[in-house]
């Protein structure tokens, strides 16, 4: 299950849906508008293997790493979200829910920084060509 934070614009959600990438959007079809960060983590625990995409740097904390979900921080412009969500979901390291679980992923133009559950270091990956 792919979940978009409320801070991701509706046009980006629509673009993902146009590309046949299933997403749920906080405040639209999941949770409620104005959900606090502290409410989102319990919501993720209640869902089956969610990948949560956000532009909120507060979710890029290693202490939030958990085996039952994936957090993806998008360090990009708001109009680039759909493109980078699609790129991540097609990346060979993250193209299934199973491969994403237990990770915090920081997405940027340069590449990906990945923190695995129980890891001691962050791993840097380049975008697939």
C-alpha atoms as a PDB file:
ATOM      1  CA  UNK A   1       0.000   0.000   0.000  1.00  0.00           C
ATOM      2  CA  UNK A   2       1.450   3.339  -1.096  1.00  0.00           C
ATOM      3  CA  UNK A   3       0.423   6.306   1.035  1.00  0.00           C
ATOM      4  CA  UNK A   4       0.972   9.963   0.241  1.00  0.00           C
ATOM      5  CA  UNK A   5       1.267  12.485   3.040  1.00  0.00           C
ATOM      6  CA  UNK A   6      -1.154  15.385   3.077  1.00  0.00           C
ATOM      7  CA  UNK A   7       1.755  17.682   2.089  1.00  0.00           C
ATOM      8  CA  UNK A   8       1.826  16.102  -1.382  1.00  0.00           C
ATOM      9  CA  UNK A   9      -0.333  17.974  -3.851  1.00  0.00           C
ATOM     10  CA  UNK A  10      -3.430  16.513  -5.463  1.00  0.00           C
ATOM     11  CA  UNK A  11      -2.056  16.945  -8.984  1.00  0.00           C
ATOM     12  CA  UNK A  12       0.854  14.634  -8.075  1.00  0.00           C
ATOM     13  CA  UNK A  13      -1.588  12.015  -6.730  1.00  0.00           C
ATOM     14  CA  UNK A  14      -3.589  12.237  -9.945  1.00  0.00           C
ATOM     15  CA  UNK A  15      -0.460  11.815 -12.046  1.00  0.00           C
ATOM     16  CA  UNK A  16       0.502   8.662 -10.115  1.00  0.00           C
ATOM     17  CA  UNK A  17      -2.988   7.274 -10.612  1.00  0.00           C
ATOM     18  CA  UNK A  18      -2.793   8.096 -14.328  1.00  0.00           C
ATOM     19  CA  UNK A  19       0.378   5.982 -14.410  1.00  0.00           C
ATOM     20  CA  UNK A  20      -1.569   3.151 -12.703  1.00  0.00           C
ATOM     21  CA  UNK A  21       0.362   3.450  -9.451  1.00  0.00           C
ATOM     22  CA  UNK A  22      -2.116   2.778  -6.637  1.00  0.00           C
ATOM     23  CA  UNK A  23      -1.941   5.363  -3.860  1.00  0.00           C
ATOM     24  CA  UNK A  24      -3.940   6.487  -0.867  1.00  0.00           C
ATOM     25  CA  UNK A  25      -3.720  10.101   0.257  1.00  0.00           C
ATOM     26  CA  UNK A  26      -3.818  11.239   3.886  1.00  0.00           C
ATOM     27  CA  UNK A  27      -6.776  13.564   4.384  1.00  0.00           C
ATOM     28  CA  UNK A  28      -8.558  12.428   1.225  1.00  0.00           C
ATOM     29  CA  UNK A  29      -9.185   8.688   1.341  1.00  0.00           C
ATOM     30  CA  UNK A  30      -7.159   7.695   4.412  1.00  0.00           C
ATOM     31  CA  UNK A  31      -7.012   9.232   7.867  1.00  0.00           C
ATOM     32  CA  UNK A  32      -8.307  12.800   8.141  1.00  0.00           C
ATOM     33  CA  UNK A  33      -7.241  16.254   7.051  1.00  0.00           C
ATOM     34  CA  UNK A  34      -4.842  17.933   9.422  1.00  0.00           C
ATOM     35  CA  UNK A  35      -3.498  14.654  10.856  1.00  0.00           C
ATOM     36  CA  UNK A  36      -0.591  15.292  13.177  1.00  0.00           C
ATOM     37  CA  UNK A  37       2.723  13.497  12.640  1.00  0.00           C
ATOM     38  CA  UNK A  38       2.181  11.618  15.900  1.00  0.00           C
ATOM     39  CA  UNK A  39      -1.073  10.171  14.521  1.00  0.00           C
ATOM     40  CA  UNK A  40       0.453   8.916  11.288  1.00  0.00           C
ATOM     41  CA  UNK A  41       2.845   6.338  12.783  1.00  0.00           C
ATOM     42  CA  UNK A  42       0.005   4.486  14.624  1.00  0.00           C
ATOM     43  CA  UNK A  43      -1.986   4.589  11.377  1.00  0.00           C
ATOM     44  CA  UNK A  44       0.925   2.966   9.532  1.00  0.00           C
ATOM     45  CA  UNK A  45       1.058   0.230  12.185  1.00  0.00           C
ATOM     46  CA  UNK A  46      -2.604  -0.552  11.524  1.00  0.00           C
ATOM     47  CA  UNK A  47      -2.087  -1.052   7.774  1.00  0.00           C
ATOM     48  CA  UNK A  48      -0.636  -3.960   5.824  1.00  0.00           C
ATOM     49  CA  UNK A  49       2.965  -3.194   4.746  1.00  0.00           C
ATOM     50  CA  UNK A  50       2.553   0.488   3.858  1.00  0.00           C
ATOM     51  CA  UNK A  51       5.112   2.685   2.154  1.00  0.00           C
ATOM     52  CA  UNK A  52       4.605   6.274   3.301  1.00  0.00           C
ATOM     53  CA  UNK A  53       5.805   9.090   1.014  1.00  0.00           C
ATOM     54  CA  UNK A  54       6.285  12.528   2.533  1.00  0.00           C
ATOM     55  CA  UNK A  55       8.079  15.842   2.054  1.00  0.00           C
ATOM     56  CA  UNK A  56       8.213  16.284   5.851  1.00  0.00           C
ATOM     57  CA  UNK A  57      11.790  15.896   7.110  1.00  0.00           C
ATOM     58  CA  UNK A  58      10.447  14.937  10.566  1.00  0.00           C
ATOM     59  CA  UNK A  59       9.781  11.428   9.198  1.00  0.00           C
ATOM     60  CA  UNK A  60      13.425  10.968   8.214  1.00  0.00           C
ATOM     61  CA  UNK A  61      14.503   9.917  11.711  1.00  0.00           C
ATOM     62  CA  UNK A  62      16.218   6.580  12.203  1.00  0.00           C
ATOM     63  CA  UNK A  63      14.293   6.086  15.447  1.00  0.00           C
ATOM     64  CA  UNK A  64      11.111   5.720  13.365  1.00  0.00           C
ATOM     65  CA  UNK A  65      12.451   2.725  11.433  1.00  0.00           C
ATOM     66  CA  UNK A  66      10.133  -0.282  11.846  1.00  0.00           C
ATOM     67  CA  UNK A  67       9.795  -3.713  10.227  1.00  0.00           C
ATOM     68  CA  UNK A  68       6.102  -3.215   9.369  1.00  0.00           C
ATOM     69  CA  UNK A  69       6.403  -0.149   7.148  1.00  0.00           C
ATOM     70  CA  UNK A  70       8.677   1.982   4.977  1.00  0.00           C
ATOM     71  CA  UNK A  71       9.137   5.746   5.273  1.00  0.00           C
ATOM     72  CA  UNK A  72      10.225   7.691   2.216  1.00  0.00           C
ATOM     73  CA  UNK A  73      11.345  11.294   2.584  1.00  0.00           C
ATOM     74  CA  UNK A  74      11.199  13.157  -0.719  1.00  0.00           C
ATOM     75  CA  UNK A  75      13.860  15.877  -0.685  1.00  0.00           C
ATOM     76  CA  UNK A  76      12.668  17.312  -3.975  1.00  0.00           C
ATOM     77  CA  UNK A  77      10.333  20.025  -5.266  1.00  0.00           C
ATOM     78  CA  UNK A  78       6.582  19.502  -4.818  1.00  0.00           C
ATOM     79  CA  UNK A  79       6.000  19.298  -8.578  1.00  0.00           C
ATOM     80  CA  UNK A  80       8.519  16.418  -8.898  1.00  0.00           C
ATOM     81  CA  UNK A  81       6.917  14.045  -6.399  1.00  0.00           C
ATOM     82  CA  UNK A  82       5.103  11.743  -8.823  1.00  0.00           C
ATOM     83  CA  UNK A  83       8.185  11.290 -11.008  1.00  0.00           C
ATOM     84  CA  UNK A  84      10.408  10.377  -8.055  1.00  0.00           C
ATOM     85  CA  UNK A  85       7.801   8.100  -6.441  1.00  0.00           C
ATOM     86  CA  UNK A  86       7.600   6.194  -9.722  1.00  0.00           C
ATOM     87  CA  UNK A  87      11.405   6.064 -10.022  1.00  0.00           C
ATOM     88  CA  UNK A  88      11.713   4.665  -6.507  1.00  0.00           C
ATOM     89  CA  UNK A  89       9.002   2.054  -7.032  1.00  0.00           C
ATOM     90  CA  UNK A  90      10.766   0.878 -10.219  1.00  0.00           C
ATOM     91  CA  UNK A  91      14.247   0.799  -8.653  1.00  0.00           C
ATOM     92  CA  UNK A  92      15.516  -2.801  -8.493  1.00  0.00           C
ATOM     93  CA  UNK A  93      16.255  -2.469  -4.755  1.00  0.00           C
ATOM     94  CA  UNK A  94      12.718  -1.271  -3.916  1.00  0.00           C
ATOM     95  CA  UNK A  95      10.360  -2.647  -6.573  1.00  0.00           C
ATOM     96  CA  UNK A  96       8.334  -4.782  -4.126  1.00  0.00           C
ATOM     97  CA  UNK A  97       6.729  -4.110  -0.755  1.00  0.00           C
ATOM     98  CA  UNK A  98       8.903  -6.784   0.814  1.00  0.00           C
ATOM     99  CA  UNK A  99      12.096  -5.054  -0.351  1.00  0.00           C
ATOM    100  CA  UNK A 100      10.935  -1.740   1.140  1.00  0.00           C
ATOM    101  CA  UNK A 101       9.810  -2.898   4.584  1.00  0.00           C
ATOM    102  CA  UNK A 102      11.974  -1.906   7.548  1.00  0.00           C
ATOM    103  CA  UNK A 103      13.631   0.995   5.725  1.00  0.00           C
ATOM    104  CA  UNK A 104      13.762   4.743   5.781  1.00  0.00           C
ATOM    105  CA  UNK A 105      14.641   6.073   2.347  1.00  0.00           C
ATOM    106  CA  UNK A 106      15.738   9.618   1.578  1.00  0.00           C
ATOM    107  CA  UNK A 107      15.135  10.500  -2.081  1.00  0.00           C
ATOM    108  CA  UNK A 108      17.004  13.261  -3.906  1.00  0.00           C
ATOM    109  CA  UNK A 109      18.149  14.112  -7.404  1.00  0.00           C
ATOM    110  CA  UNK A 110      21.594  12.717  -6.592  1.00  0.00           C
ATOM    111  CA  UNK A 111      20.345   9.326  -5.424  1.00  0.00           C
ATOM    112  CA  UNK A 112      19.002   7.463  -2.433  1.00  0.00           C
ATOM    113  CA  UNK A 113      20.112   7.214   1.177  1.00  0.00           C
ATOM    114  CA  UNK A 114      18.755   4.113   2.895  1.00  0.00           C
ATOM    115  CA  UNK A 115      18.619   3.211   6.552  1.00  0.00           C
ATOM    116  CA  UNK A 116      17.792  -0.440   7.228  1.00  0.00           C
ATOM    117  CA  UNK A 117      16.242  -1.578  10.483  1.00  0.00           C
ATOM    118  CA  UNK A 118      19.019  -2.528  12.958  1.00  0.00           C
ATOM    119  CA  UNK A 119      21.725  -1.200  10.623  1.00  0.00           C
ATOM    120  CA  UNK A 120      24.584   0.844  11.965  1.00  0.00           C
ATOM    121  CA  UNK A 121      25.228   2.879   8.836  1.00  0.00           C
ATOM    122  CA  UNK A 122      23.244   4.523   6.089  1.00  0.00           C
ATOM    123  CA  UNK A 123      23.695   3.108   2.584  1.00  0.00           C
ATOM    124  CA  UNK A 124      23.953   5.386  -0.452  1.00  0.00           C
ATOM    125  CA  UNK A 125      22.540   4.219  -3.791  1.00  0.00           C
ATOM    126  CA  UNK A 126      22.513   5.811  -7.201  1.00  0.00           C
ATOM    127  CA  UNK A 127      19.505   5.994  -9.452  1.00  0.00           C
ATOM    128  CA  UNK A 128      19.295   3.157 -11.961  1.00  0.00           C
ATOM    129  CA  UNK A 129      20.145   4.272 -15.466  1.00  0.00           C
END
